[in-house]
Each structure stands twice: as C-alpha cells, then as structure tokens.
C-alpha cells in the first residue's frame, strides 16, 4: 500500500510542484482564500476523484 502511494507521488511530482508554485505566487490572507478555493475546486473537478472513493 505504501509503495503504491510512493509510486503515485513520484508519477505526479511535477504537477504537484506546479500547483504549489502557483499557490505561492498568488498568496491570499487567511480566511480570505477565495481564489485559492476556486483553484482547488477546479482541480478537483478536473481530477474527477477529489473526495470520491474508488
């Protein structure tokens, strides 16, 4: 199970770095992360797996 998680992380590493860099380039104040919330919601819709169990 842990090995599968490592493989998934390794496979998606570049994309995760891209997301992190975008969020750090567009900071928002605490409790006022409206654009961040939109970005994550869009990411989840595109991934079609956020919050869903397979």
N, C-alpha and C. Protein backbone atom coordinates (compact mmCIF):
# COMPACT_ATOMS: atom_id res chain seq x y z
N UNK A 1 0.83 -1.20 0.00
CA UNK A 1 0.00 0.00 0.00
C UNK A 1 0.87 1.25 0.00
N UNK A 2 1.87 1.28 0.86
CA UNK A 2 2.75 2.43 0.94
C UNK A 2 3.54 2.59 -0.35
N UNK A 3 3.96 1.49 -0.93
CA UNK A 3 4.70 1.54 -2.19
C UNK A 3 3.84 2.14 -3.30
N UNK A 4 2.57 1.79 -3.31
CA UNK A 4 1.64 2.34 -4.31
C UNK A 4 1.52 3.86 -4.15
N UNK A 5 1.47 4.32 -2.89
CA UNK A 5 1.39 5.76 -2.63
C UNK A 5 2.65 6.46 -3.13
N UNK A 6 3.82 5.86 -2.88
CA UNK A 6 5.07 6.45 -3.35
C UNK A 6 5.11 6.52 -4.87
N UNK A 7 4.63 5.49 -5.53
CA UNK A 7 4.60 5.48 -7.00
C UNK A 7 3.68 6.58 -7.53
N UNK A 8 2.54 6.74 -6.89
CA UNK A 8 1.60 7.78 -7.31
C UNK A 8 2.19 9.17 -7.11
N UNK A 9 2.86 9.38 -5.97
CA UNK A 9 3.51 10.66 -5.71
C UNK A 9 4.62 10.94 -6.72
N UNK A 10 5.42 9.93 -7.01
CA UNK A 10 6.50 10.09 -7.97
C UNK A 10 5.96 10.41 -9.36
N UNK A 11 4.89 9.74 -9.74
CA UNK A 11 4.27 9.96 -11.05
C UNK A 11 3.74 11.38 -11.19
N UNK A 12 3.20 11.94 -10.11
CA UNK A 12 2.56 13.25 -10.16
C UNK A 12 3.40 14.38 -9.57
N UNK A 13 4.66 14.11 -9.29
CA UNK A 13 5.53 15.08 -8.63
C UNK A 13 5.57 16.42 -9.37
N UNK A 14 5.82 16.41 -10.66
CA UNK A 14 5.94 17.65 -11.42
C UNK A 14 4.65 18.47 -11.36
N UNK A 15 3.52 17.79 -11.43
CA UNK A 15 2.24 18.50 -11.38
C UNK A 15 2.01 19.10 -9.99
N UNK A 16 2.38 18.36 -8.95
CA UNK A 16 2.23 18.88 -7.59
C UNK A 16 3.12 20.10 -7.36
N UNK A 17 4.32 20.09 -7.92
CA UNK A 17 5.22 21.24 -7.81
C UNK A 17 4.60 22.44 -8.53
N UNK A 18 4.01 22.21 -9.69
CA UNK A 18 3.36 23.28 -10.45
C UNK A 18 2.23 23.92 -9.63
N UNK A 19 1.42 23.09 -8.98
CA UNK A 19 0.32 23.58 -8.15
C UNK A 19 0.87 24.40 -6.98
N UNK A 20 1.88 23.87 -6.30
CA UNK A 20 2.47 24.57 -5.17
C UNK A 20 3.02 25.92 -5.59
N UNK A 21 3.72 25.96 -6.70
CA UNK A 21 4.30 27.22 -7.17
C UNK A 21 3.22 28.23 -7.51
N UNK A 22 2.15 27.77 -8.15
CA UNK A 22 1.05 28.68 -8.48
C UNK A 22 0.46 29.28 -7.20
N UNK A 23 0.19 28.43 -6.22
CA UNK A 23 -0.43 28.92 -4.98
C UNK A 23 0.49 29.88 -4.23
N UNK A 24 1.78 29.64 -4.28
CA UNK A 24 2.73 30.54 -3.60
C UNK A 24 2.92 31.84 -4.37
N UNK A 25 2.69 31.82 -5.67
CA UNK A 25 2.80 33.04 -6.46
C UNK A 25 1.55 33.91 -6.35
N UNK A 26 0.47 33.33 -5.84
CA UNK A 26 -0.81 34.04 -5.70
C UNK A 26 -1.31 33.92 -4.26
N UNK A 27 -0.57 34.48 -3.30
CA UNK A 27 -0.96 34.33 -1.89
C UNK A 27 -2.23 35.13 -1.56
N UNK A 28 -2.94 34.63 -0.56
CA UNK A 28 -4.13 35.31 -0.06
C UNK A 28 -4.09 35.31 1.46
N UNK A 29 -4.77 36.26 2.06
CA UNK A 29 -4.82 36.35 3.51
C UNK A 29 -5.63 35.19 4.09
N UNK A 30 -5.29 34.81 5.31
CA UNK A 30 -6.01 33.74 6.00
C UNK A 30 -7.50 34.06 6.08
N UNK A 31 -8.29 33.04 5.87
CA UNK A 31 -9.75 33.13 5.89
C UNK A 31 -10.31 33.99 4.76
N UNK A 32 -9.46 34.36 3.80
CA UNK A 32 -9.91 35.12 2.62
C UNK A 32 -9.31 34.48 1.37
N UNK A 33 -9.20 33.15 1.39
CA UNK A 33 -8.58 32.42 0.30
C UNK A 33 -9.60 32.07 -0.78
N UNK A 34 -10.24 33.06 -1.34
CA UNK A 34 -11.31 32.82 -2.30
C UNK A 34 -10.79 32.27 -3.63
N UNK A 35 -9.75 32.86 -4.15
CA UNK A 35 -9.18 32.38 -5.41
C UNK A 35 -8.51 31.02 -5.23
N UNK A 36 -7.90 30.82 -4.07
CA UNK A 36 -7.29 29.52 -3.78
C UNK A 36 -8.37 28.44 -3.75
N UNK A 37 -9.49 28.73 -3.12
CA UNK A 37 -10.60 27.78 -3.06
C UNK A 37 -11.11 27.46 -4.45
N UNK A 38 -11.22 28.46 -5.30
CA UNK A 38 -11.67 28.24 -6.68
C UNK A 38 -10.67 27.36 -7.43
N UNK A 39 -9.39 27.63 -7.22
CA UNK A 39 -8.33 26.87 -7.89
C UNK A 39 -8.39 25.39 -7.49
N UNK A 40 -8.54 25.14 -6.20
CA UNK A 40 -8.60 23.77 -5.71
C UNK A 40 -9.89 23.09 -6.17
N UNK A 41 -11.01 23.79 -6.13
CA UNK A 41 -12.27 23.21 -6.59
C UNK A 41 -12.17 22.83 -8.07
N UNK A 42 -11.57 23.69 -8.87
CA UNK A 42 -11.40 23.40 -10.29
C UNK A 42 -10.49 22.19 -10.48
N UNK A 43 -9.43 22.14 -9.69
CA UNK A 43 -8.51 21.00 -9.75
C UNK A 43 -9.27 19.70 -9.45
N UNK A 44 -10.11 19.73 -8.42
CA UNK A 44 -10.87 18.54 -8.04
C UNK A 44 -11.85 18.13 -9.14
N UNK A 45 -12.49 19.10 -9.75
CA UNK A 45 -13.42 18.78 -10.84
C UNK A 45 -12.67 18.16 -12.01
N UNK A 46 -11.51 18.70 -12.33
CA UNK A 46 -10.74 18.16 -13.44
C UNK A 46 -10.20 16.77 -13.12
N UNK A 47 -9.83 16.56 -11.88
CA UNK A 47 -9.30 15.25 -11.47
C UNK A 47 -10.40 14.20 -11.39
N UNK A 48 -11.62 14.66 -11.17
CA UNK A 48 -12.80 13.77 -11.06
C UNK A 48 -12.64 12.71 -10.00
N UNK A 49 -11.77 12.99 -9.03
CA UNK A 49 -11.58 11.99 -7.98
C UNK A 49 -11.48 12.58 -6.59
N UNK A 50 -11.48 13.88 -6.48
CA UNK A 50 -11.32 14.51 -5.18
C UNK A 50 -12.54 14.20 -4.29
N UNK A 51 -12.29 13.55 -3.19
CA UNK A 51 -13.37 13.24 -2.27
C UNK A 51 -14.18 12.01 -2.64
N UNK A 52 -13.83 11.33 -3.71
CA UNK A 52 -14.55 10.13 -4.12
C UNK A 52 -13.68 8.90 -3.84
N UNK A 53 -14.33 7.87 -3.36
CA UNK A 53 -13.63 6.61 -3.14
C UNK A 53 -13.83 5.73 -4.37
N UNK A 54 -12.76 5.04 -4.72
CA UNK A 54 -12.86 4.14 -5.89
C UNK A 54 -13.13 2.72 -5.43
